[in-house]
Each structure stands twice: as structure tokens, then as C-alpha cells.
Amino acid sequence: YNAVCFAFSFVLLRVTKYTGPKLMHSLCLGIGAIGLL
């Protein structure tokens, strides 16, 4: 998860320009919830 966190941080920066921070954060938290479940 640390390696993915590092790599995804660069993706997050670019994709957030298109989605906005609130939507992006919601999607990422949803993906994290799926990971935990």
C-alpha cells in the first residue's frame, strides 16, 4: 500500500484537475473501503 500510495500520488495530482478534489477524494475513499472490505 505504501508503494501504491507513492505512485498514485502522481496520478492523483493530474486527475484531480478534471474531477475536482471532493469527487476525487470520495472516489479514493470508496476504493479504500473496497480494499478494506
ModelCIF file with pLDDT and N, C-alpha, C, O atoms, coordinates in Angstrom:
data_MODEL
#
_entry.id   MODEL 
#
_entity.id                         1 
_entity.type                       polymer 
_entity.pdbx_number_of_molecules   1 
#
_entity_poly.entity_id                      1 
_entity_poly.type                           'polypeptide(L)' 
_entity_poly.nstd_linkage                   no 
_entity_poly.nstd_monomer                   no 
_entity_poly.pdbx_seq_one_letter_code       YNAVCFAFSFVLLRVTKYTGPKLMHSLCLGIGAIGLL 
_entity_poly.pdbx_seq_one_letter_code_can   YNAVCFAFSFVLLRVTKYTGPKLMHSLCLGIGAIGLL 
_entity_poly.pdbx_strand_id                 A 
#
loop_
_entity_poly_seq.entity_id 
_entity_poly_seq.num 
_entity_poly_seq.mon_id 
_entity_poly_seq.hetero 
1 1  TYR n 
1 2  ASN n 
1 3  ALA n 
1 4  VAL n 
1 5  CYS n 
1 6  PHE n 
1 7  ALA n 
1 8  PHE n 
1 9  SER n 
1 10 PHE n 
1 11 VAL n 
1 12 LEU n 
1 13 LEU n 
1 14 ARG n 
1 15 VAL n 
1 16 THR n 
1 17 LYS n 
1 18 TYR n 
1 19 THR n 
1 20 GLY n 
1 21 PRO n 
1 22 LYS n 
1 23 LEU n 
1 24 MET n 
1 25 HIS n 
1 26 SER n 
1 27 LEU n 
1 28 CYS n 
1 29 LEU n 
1 30 GLY n 
1 31 ILE n 
1 32 GLY n 
1 33 ALA n 
1 34 ILE n 
1 35 GLY n 
1 36 LEU n 
1 37 LEU n 
#
_struct_asym.id          A 
_struct_asym.entity_id   1 
#
loop_
_ma_qa_metric.id 
_ma_qa_metric.mode 
_ma_qa_metric.name 
_ma_qa_metric.software_group_id 
_ma_qa_metric.type 
1 global pLDDT . pLDDT 
2 local  pLDDT . pLDDT 
#
_ma_qa_metric_global.metric_id      1 
_ma_qa_metric_global.metric_value   94.11 
_ma_qa_metric_global.model_id       1 
_ma_qa_metric_global.ordinal_id     1 
#
loop_
_ma_qa_metric_local.label_asym_id 
_ma_qa_metric_local.label_comp_id 
_ma_qa_metric_local.label_seq_id 
_ma_qa_metric_local.metric_id 
_ma_qa_metric_local.metric_value 
_ma_qa_metric_local.model_id 
_ma_qa_metric_local.ordinal_id 
A TYR 1  2 88.00 1 1  
A ASN 2  2 92.00 1 2  
A ALA 3  2 94.00 1 3  
A VAL 4  2 94.00 1 4  
A CYS 5  2 94.00 1 5  
A PHE 6  2 95.00 1 6  
A ALA 7  2 95.00 1 7  
A PHE 8  2 95.00 1 8  
A SER 9  2 93.00 1 9  
A PHE 10 2 94.00 1 10 
A VAL 11 2 93.00 1 11 
A LEU 12 2 93.00 1 12 
A LEU 13 2 87.00 1 13 
A ARG 14 2 92.00 1 14 
A VAL 15 2 93.00 1 15 
A THR 16 2 92.00 1 16 
A LYS 17 2 91.00 1 17 
A TYR 18 2 94.00 1 18 
A THR 19 2 93.00 1 19 
A GLY 20 2 91.00 1 20 
A PRO 21 2 92.00 1 21 
A LYS 22 2 93.00 1 22 
A LEU 23 2 95.00 1 23 
A MET 24 2 95.00 1 24 
A HIS 25 2 95.00 1 25 
A SER 26 2 96.00 1 26 
A LEU 27 2 96.00 1 27 
A CYS 28 2 96.00 1 28 
A LEU 29 2 97.00 1 29 
A GLY 30 2 97.00 1 30 
A ILE 31 2 97.00 1 31 
A GLY 32 2 97.00 1 32 
A ALA 33 2 97.00 1 33 
A ILE 34 2 97.00 1 34 
A GLY 35 2 96.00 1 35 
A LEU 36 2 96.00 1 36 
A LEU 37 2 97.00 1 37 
#
loop_
_atom_site.group_PDB 
_atom_site.id 
_atom_site.type_symbol 
_atom_site.label_atom_id 
_atom_site.label_alt_id 
_atom_site.label_comp_id 
_atom_site.label_asym_id 
_atom_site.label_entity_id 
_atom_site.label_seq_id 
_atom_site.pdbx_PDB_ins_code 
_atom_site.Cartn_x 
_atom_site.Cartn_y 
_atom_site.Cartn_z 
_atom_site.occupancy 
_atom_site.B_iso_or_equiv 
_atom_site.pdbx_formal_charge 
_atom_site.auth_seq_id 
_atom_site.auth_comp_id 
_atom_site.auth_asym_id 
_atom_site.auth_atom_id 
_atom_site.pdbx_PDB_model_num 
ATOM 1   N N  . TYR A 1 1  ? 0.818   -1.207 0.000   1.00 88.00 ? 1  TYR A N  1 
ATOM 2   C CA . TYR A 1 1  ? 0.000   0.000  0.000   1.00 88.00 ? 1  TYR A CA 1 
ATOM 3   C C  . TYR A 1 1  ? 0.858   1.265  0.000   1.00 88.00 ? 1  TYR A C  1 
ATOM 4   O O  . TYR A 1 1  ? 0.438   2.292  -0.533  1.00 88.00 ? 1  TYR A O  1 
ATOM 5   N N  . ASN A 1 2  ? 2.041   1.205  0.584   1.00 92.00 ? 2  ASN A N  1 
ATOM 6   C CA . ASN A 1 2  ? 2.931   2.372  0.536   1.00 92.00 ? 2  ASN A CA 1 
ATOM 7   C C  . ASN A 1 2  ? 3.437   2.634  -0.876  1.00 92.00 ? 2  ASN A C  1 
ATOM 8   O O  . ASN A 1 2  ? 3.526   3.788  -1.295  1.00 92.00 ? 2  ASN A O  1 
ATOM 9   N N  . ALA A 1 3  ? 3.767   1.590  -1.609  1.00 94.00 ? 3  ALA A N  1 
ATOM 10  C CA . ALA A 1 3  ? 4.224   1.761  -2.995  1.00 94.00 ? 3  ALA A CA 1 
ATOM 11  C C  . ALA A 1 3  ? 3.111   2.309  -3.866  1.00 94.00 ? 3  ALA A C  1 
ATOM 12  O O  . ALA A 1 3  ? 3.344   3.199  -4.684  1.00 94.00 ? 3  ALA A O  1 
ATOM 13  N N  . VAL A 1 4  ? 1.902   1.789  -3.703  1.00 94.00 ? 4  VAL A N  1 
ATOM 14  C CA . VAL A 1 4  ? 0.761   2.293  -4.470  1.00 94.00 ? 4  VAL A CA 1 
ATOM 15  C C  . VAL A 1 4  ? 0.458   3.732  -4.075  1.00 94.00 ? 4  VAL A C  1 
ATOM 16  O O  . VAL A 1 4  ? 0.148   4.561  -4.930  1.00 94.00 ? 4  VAL A O  1 
ATOM 17  N N  . CYS A 1 5  ? 0.544   4.027  -2.793  1.00 94.00 ? 5  CYS A N  1 
ATOM 18  C CA . CYS A 1 5  ? 0.316   5.401  -2.321  1.00 94.00 ? 5  CYS A CA 1 
ATOM 19  C C  . CYS A 1 5  ? 1.277   6.363  -3.003  1.00 94.00 ? 5  CYS A C  1 
ATOM 20  O O  . CYS A 1 5  ? 0.861   7.412  -3.495  1.00 94.00 ? 5  CYS A O  1 
ATOM 21  N N  . PHE A 1 6  ? 2.542   6.018  -3.035  1.00 95.00 ? 6  PHE A N  1 
ATOM 22  C CA . PHE A 1 6  ? 3.545   6.870  -3.673  1.00 95.00 ? 6  PHE A CA 1 
ATOM 23  C C  . PHE A 1 6  ? 3.245   7.050  -5.151  1.00 95.00 ? 6  PHE A C  1 
ATOM 24  O O  . PHE A 1 6  ? 3.219   8.176  -5.648  1.00 95.00 ? 6  PHE A O  1 
ATOM 25  N N  . ALA A 1 7  ? 3.019   5.955  -5.850  1.00 95.00 ? 7  ALA A N  1 
ATOM 26  C CA . ALA A 1 7  ? 2.785   6.027  -7.294  1.00 95.00 ? 7  ALA A CA 1 
ATOM 27  C C  . ALA A 1 7  ? 1.477   6.752  -7.612  1.00 95.00 ? 7  ALA A C  1 
ATOM 28  O O  . ALA A 1 7  ? 1.419   7.556  -8.542  1.00 95.00 ? 7  ALA A O  1 
ATOM 29  N N  . PHE A 1 8  ? 0.430   6.466  -6.841  1.00 95.00 ? 8  PHE A N  1 
ATOM 30  C CA . PHE A 1 8  ? -0.869  7.067  -7.126  1.00 95.00 ? 8  PHE A CA 1 
ATOM 31  C C  . PHE A 1 8  ? -0.894  8.557  -6.810  1.00 95.00 ? 8  PHE A C  1 
ATOM 32  O O  . PHE A 1 8  ? -1.733  9.281  -7.344  1.00 95.00 ? 8  PHE A O  1 
ATOM 33  N N  . SER A 1 9  ? 0.000   9.024  -5.960  1.00 93.00 ? 9  SER A N  1 
ATOM 34  C CA . SER A 1 9  ? 0.050   10.459 -5.654  1.00 93.00 ? 9  SER A CA 1 
ATOM 35  C C  . SER A 1 9  ? 0.278   11.287 -6.915  1.00 93.00 ? 9  SER A C  1 
ATOM 36  O O  . SER A 1 9  ? -0.260  12.387 -7.046  1.00 93.00 ? 9  SER A O  1 
ATOM 37  N N  . PHE A 1 10 ? 1.066   10.765 -7.830  1.00 94.00 ? 10 PHE A N  1 
ATOM 38  C CA . PHE A 1 10 ? 1.317   11.487 -9.078  1.00 94.00 ? 10 PHE A CA 1 
ATOM 39  C C  . PHE A 1 10 ? 0.081   11.454 -9.991  1.00 94.00 ? 10 PHE A C  1 
ATOM 40  O O  . PHE A 1 10 ? -0.215  12.431 -10.677 1.00 94.00 ? 10 PHE A O  1 
ATOM 41  N N  . VAL A 1 11 ? -0.617  10.349 -9.991  1.00 93.00 ? 11 VAL A N  1 
ATOM 42  C CA . VAL A 1 11 ? -1.858  10.232 -10.762 1.00 93.00 ? 11 VAL A CA 1 
ATOM 43  C C  . VAL A 1 11 ? -2.920  11.157 -10.166 1.00 93.00 ? 11 VAL A C  1 
ATOM 44  O O  . VAL A 1 11 ? -3.644  11.841 -10.890 1.00 93.00 ? 11 VAL A O  1 
ATOM 45  N N  . LEU A 1 12 ? -2.995  11.166 -8.861  1.00 93.00 ? 12 LEU A N  1 
ATOM 46  C CA . LEU A 1 12 ? -3.970  11.972 -8.138  1.00 93.00 ? 12 LEU A CA 1 
ATOM 47  C C  . LEU A 1 12 ? -3.843  13.447 -8.510  1.00 93.00 ? 12 LEU A C  1 
ATOM 48  O O  . LEU A 1 12 ? -4.845  14.136 -8.704  1.00 93.00 ? 12 LEU A O  1 
ATOM 49  N N  . LEU A 1 13 ? -2.639  13.910 -8.604  1.00 87.00 ? 13 LEU A N  1 
ATOM 50  C CA . LEU A 1 13 ? -2.381  15.305 -8.944  1.00 87.00 ? 13 LEU A CA 1 
ATOM 51  C C  . LEU A 1 13 ? -2.973  15.666 -10.297 1.00 87.00 ? 13 LEU A C  1 
ATOM 52  O O  . LEU A 1 13 ? -3.581  16.726 -10.449 1.00 87.00 ? 13 LEU A O  1 
ATOM 53  N N  . ARG A 1 14 ? -2.800  14.802 -11.266 1.00 92.00 ? 14 ARG A N  1 
ATOM 54  C CA . ARG A 1 14 ? -3.280  15.084 -12.624 1.00 92.00 ? 14 ARG A CA 1 
ATOM 55  C C  . ARG A 1 14 ? -4.787  14.891 -12.774 1.00 92.00 ? 14 ARG A C  1 
ATOM 56  O O  . ARG A 1 14 ? -5.461  15.703 -13.408 1.00 92.00 ? 14 ARG A O  1 
ATOM 57  N N  . VAL A 1 15 ? -5.309  13.823 -12.195 1.00 93.00 ? 15 VAL A N  1 
ATOM 58  C CA . VAL A 1 15 ? -6.728  13.501 -12.370 1.00 93.00 ? 15 VAL A CA 1 
ATOM 59  C C  . VAL A 1 15 ? -7.619  14.486 -11.618 1.00 93.00 ? 15 VAL A C  1 
ATOM 60  O O  . VAL A 1 15 ? -8.730  14.774 -12.063 1.00 93.00 ? 15 VAL A O  1 
ATOM 61  N N  . THR A 1 16 ? -7.153  15.001 -10.497 1.00 92.00 ? 16 THR A N  1 
ATOM 62  C CA . THR A 1 16 ? -7.944  15.935 -9.698  1.00 92.00 ? 16 THR A CA 1 
ATOM 63  C C  . THR A 1 16 ? -8.247  17.214 -10.475 1.00 92.00 ? 16 THR A C  1 
ATOM 64  O O  . THR A 1 16 ? -9.252  17.871 -10.201 1.00 92.00 ? 16 THR A O  1 
ATOM 65  N N  . LYS A 1 17 ? -7.412  17.577 -11.424 1.00 91.00 ? 17 LYS A N  1 
ATOM 66  C CA . LYS A 1 17 ? -7.684  18.754 -12.257 1.00 91.00 ? 17 LYS A CA 1 
ATOM 67  C C  . LYS A 1 17 ? -8.994  18.602 -13.021 1.00 91.00 ? 17 LYS A C  1 
ATOM 68  O O  . LYS A 1 17 ? -9.666  19.593 -13.305 1.00 91.00 ? 17 LYS A O  1 
ATOM 69  N N  . TYR A 1 18 ? -9.361  17.366 -13.355 1.00 94.00 ? 18 TYR A N  1 
ATOM 70  C CA . TYR A 1 18 ? -10.564 17.111 -14.144 1.00 94.00 ? 18 TYR A CA 1 
ATOM 71  C C  . TYR A 1 18 ? -11.780 16.802 -13.281 1.00 94.00 ? 18 TYR A C  1 
ATOM 72  O O  . TYR A 1 18 ? -12.902 17.156 -13.645 1.00 94.00 ? 18 TYR A O  1 
ATOM 73  N N  . THR A 1 19 ? -11.574 16.150 -12.147 1.00 93.00 ? 19 THR A N  1 
ATOM 74  C CA . THR A 1 19 ? -12.703 15.723 -11.317 1.00 93.00 ? 19 THR A CA 1 
ATOM 75  C C  . THR A 1 19 ? -13.022 16.694 -10.185 1.00 93.00 ? 19 THR A C  1 
ATOM 76  O O  . THR A 1 19 ? -14.163 16.757 -9.728  1.00 93.00 ? 19 THR A O  1 
ATOM 77  N N  . GLY A 1 20 ? -12.034 17.444 -9.735  1.00 91.00 ? 20 GLY A N  1 
ATOM 78  C CA . GLY A 1 20 ? -12.202 18.267 -8.543  1.00 91.00 ? 20 GLY A CA 1 
ATOM 79  C C  . GLY A 1 20 ? -11.811 17.469 -7.313  1.00 91.00 ? 20 GLY A C  1 
ATOM 80  O O  . GLY A 1 20 ? -11.914 16.243 -7.312  1.00 91.00 ? 20 GLY A O  1 
ATOM 81  N N  . PRO A 1 21 ? -11.362 18.148 -6.267  1.00 92.00 ? 21 PRO A N  1 
ATOM 82  C CA . PRO A 1 21 ? -10.852 17.424 -5.090  1.00 92.00 ? 21 PRO A CA 1 
ATOM 83  C C  . PRO A 1 21 ? -11.921 16.651 -4.317  1.00 92.00 ? 21 PRO A C  1 
ATOM 84  O O  . PRO A 1 21 ? -11.638 15.570 -3.800  1.00 92.00 ? 21 PRO A O  1 
ATOM 85  N N  . LYS A 1 22 ? -13.139 17.182 -4.229  1.00 93.00 ? 22 LYS A N  1 
ATOM 86  C CA . LYS A 1 22 ? -14.168 16.487 -3.443  1.00 93.00 ? 22 LYS A CA 1 
ATOM 87  C C  . LYS A 1 22 ? -14.567 15.166 -4.083  1.00 93.00 ? 22 LYS A C  1 
ATOM 88  O O  . LYS A 1 22 ? -14.643 14.143 -3.403  1.00 93.00 ? 22 LYS A O  1 
ATOM 89  N N  . LEU A 1 23 ? -14.820 15.184 -5.374  1.00 95.00 ? 23 LEU A N  1 
ATOM 90  C CA . LEU A 1 23 ? -15.194 13.949 -6.064  1.00 95.00 ? 23 LEU A CA 1 
ATOM 91  C C  . LEU A 1 23 ? -14.038 12.947 -6.039  1.00 95.00 ? 23 LEU A C  1 
ATOM 92  O O  . LEU A 1 23 ? -14.244 11.756 -5.805  1.00 95.00 ? 23 LEU A O  1 
ATOM 93  N N  . MET A 1 24 ? -12.841 13.432 -6.277  1.00 95.00 ? 24 MET A N  1 
ATOM 94  C CA . MET A 1 24 ? -11.673 12.539 -6.287  1.00 95.00 ? 24 MET A CA 1 
ATOM 95  C C  . MET A 1 24 ? -11.461 11.902 -4.922  1.00 95.00 ? 24 MET A C  1 
ATOM 96  O O  . MET A 1 24 ? -11.186 10.706 -4.825  1.00 95.00 ? 24 MET A O  1 
ATOM 97  N N  . HIS A 1 25 ? -11.591 12.701 -3.869  1.00 95.00 ? 25 HIS A N  1 
ATOM 98  C CA . HIS A 1 25 ? -11.416 12.181 -2.515  1.00 95.00 ? 25 HIS A CA 1 
ATOM 99  C C  . HIS A 1 25 ? -12.486 11.130 -2.212  1.00 95.00 ? 25 HIS A C  1 
ATOM 100 O O  . HIS A 1 25 ? -12.189 10.090 -1.626  1.00 95.00 ? 25 HIS A O  1 
ATOM 101 N N  . SER A 1 26 ? -13.722 11.400 -2.609  1.00 96.00 ? 26 SER A N  1 
ATOM 102 C CA . SER A 1 26 ? -14.802 10.441 -2.386  1.00 96.00 ? 26 SER A CA 1 
ATOM 103 C C  . SER A 1 26 ? -14.531 9.126  -3.107  1.00 96.00 ? 26 SER A C  1 
ATOM 104 O O  . SER A 1 26 ? -14.705 8.050  -2.535  1.00 96.00 ? 26 SER A O  1 
ATOM 105 N N  . LEU A 1 27 ? -14.108 9.217  -4.353  1.00 96.00 ? 27 LEU A N  1 
ATOM 106 C CA . LEU A 1 27 ? -13.802 8.001  -5.116  1.00 96.00 ? 27 LEU A CA 1 
ATOM 107 C C  . LEU A 1 27 ? -12.666 7.210  -4.478  1.00 96.00 ? 27 LEU A C  1 
ATOM 108 O O  . LEU A 1 27 ? -12.738 5.986  -4.366  1.00 96.00 ? 27 LEU A O  1 
ATOM 109 N N  . CYS A 1 28 ? -11.618 7.913  -4.062  1.00 96.00 ? 28 CYS A N  1 
ATOM 110 C CA . CYS A 1 28 ? -10.466 7.240  -3.449  1.00 96.00 ? 28 CYS A CA 1 
ATOM 111 C C  . CYS A 1 28 ? -10.852 6.580  -2.131  1.00 96.00 ? 28 CYS A C  1 
ATOM 112 O O  . CYS A 1 28 ? -10.411 5.467  -1.842  1.00 96.00 ? 28 CYS A O  1 
ATOM 113 N N  . LEU A 1 29 ? -11.675 7.258  -1.328  1.00 97.00 ? 29 LEU A N  1 
ATOM 114 C CA . LEU A 1 29 ? -12.114 6.648  -0.070  1.00 97.00 ? 29 LEU A CA 1 
ATOM 115 C C  . LEU A 1 29 ? -12.990 5.422  -0.331  1.00 97.00 ? 29 LEU A C  1 
ATOM 116 O O  . LEU A 1 29 ? -12.931 4.440  0.409   1.00 97.00 ? 29 LEU A O  1 
ATOM 117 N N  . GLY A 1 30 ? -13.801 5.487  -1.385  1.00 97.00 ? 30 GLY A N  1 
ATOM 118 C CA . GLY A 1 30 ? -14.602 4.324  -1.758  1.00 97.00 ? 30 GLY A CA 1 
ATOM 119 C C  . GLY A 1 30 ? -13.733 3.149  -2.169  1.00 97.00 ? 30 GLY A C  1 
ATOM 120 O O  . GLY A 1 30 ? -14.007 2.009  -1.793  1.00 97.00 ? 30 GLY A O  1 
ATOM 121 N N  . ILE A 1 31 ? -12.688 3.420  -2.937  1.00 97.00 ? 31 ILE A N  1 
ATOM 122 C CA . ILE A 1 31 ? -11.753 2.363  -3.342  1.00 97.00 ? 31 ILE A CA 1 
ATOM 123 C C  . ILE A 1 31 ? -11.051 1.784  -2.117  1.00 97.00 ? 31 ILE A C  1 
ATOM 124 O O  . ILE A 1 31 ? -10.842 0.574  -2.026  1.00 97.00 ? 31 ILE A O  1 
ATOM 125 N N  . GLY A 1 32 ? -10.688 2.655  -1.179  1.00 97.00 ? 32 GLY A N  1 
ATOM 126 C CA . GLY A 1 32 ? -10.066 2.184  0.063   1.00 97.00 ? 32 GLY A CA 1 
ATOM 127 C C  . GLY A 1 32 ? -11.018 1.320  0.879   1.00 97.00 ? 32 GLY A C  1 
ATOM 128 O O  . GLY A 1 32 ? -10.604 0.328  1.479   1.00 97.00 ? 32 GLY A O  1 
ATOM 129 N N  . ALA A 1 33 ? -12.300 1.700  0.902   1.00 97.00 ? 33 ALA A N  1 
ATOM 130 C CA . ALA A 1 33 ? -13.286 0.900  1.630   1.00 97.00 ? 33 ALA A CA 1 
ATOM 131 C C  . ALA A 1 33 ? -13.417 -0.486 0.999   1.00 97.00 ? 33 ALA A C  1 
ATOM 132 O O  . ALA A 1 33 ? -13.512 -1.489 1.706   1.00 97.00 ? 33 ALA A O  1 
ATOM 133 N N  . ILE A 1 34 ? -13.421 -0.536 -0.321  1.00 97.00 ? 34 ILE A N  1 
ATOM 134 C CA . ILE A 1 34 ? -13.473 -1.828 -1.008  1.00 97.00 ? 34 ILE A CA 1 
ATOM 135 C C  . ILE A 1 34 ? -12.234 -2.658 -0.652  1.00 97.00 ? 34 ILE A C  1 
ATOM 136 O O  . ILE A 1 34 ? -12.324 -3.862 -0.411  1.00 97.00 ? 34 ILE A O  1 
ATOM 137 N N  . GLY A 1 35 ? -11.075 -1.984 -0.624  1.00 96.00 ? 35 GLY A N  1 
ATOM 138 C CA . GLY A 1 35 ? -9.847  -2.685 -0.241  1.00 96.00 ? 35 GLY A CA 1 
ATOM 139 C C  . GLY A 1 35 ? -9.926  -3.264 1.157   1.00 96.00 ? 35 GLY A C  1 
ATOM 140 O O  . GLY A 1 35 ? -9.521  -4.405 1.380   1.00 96.00 ? 35 GLY A O  1 
ATOM 141 N N  . LEU A 1 36 ? -10.443 -2.491 2.104   1.00 96.00 ? 36 LEU A N  1 
ATOM 142 C CA . LEU A 1 36 ? -10.561 -2.991 3.476   1.00 96.00 ? 36 LEU A CA 1 
ATOM 143 C C  . LEU A 1 36 ? -11.583 -4.117 3.575   1.00 96.00 ? 36 LEU A C  1 
ATOM 144 O O  . LEU A 1 36 ? -11.364 -5.099 4.283   1.00 96.00 ? 36 LEU A O  1 
ATOM 145 N N  . LEU A 1 37 ? -12.703 -3.973 2.862   1.00 97.00 ? 37 LEU A N  1 
ATOM 146 C CA . LEU A 1 37 ? -13.752 -4.986 2.936   1.00 97.00 ? 37 LEU A CA 1 
ATOM 147 C C  . LEU A 1 37 ? -13.359 -6.302 2.270   1.00 97.00 ? 37 LEU A C  1 
ATOM 148 O O  . LEU A 1 37 ? -14.149 -7.247 2.256   1.00 97.00 ? 37 LEU A O  1 
#
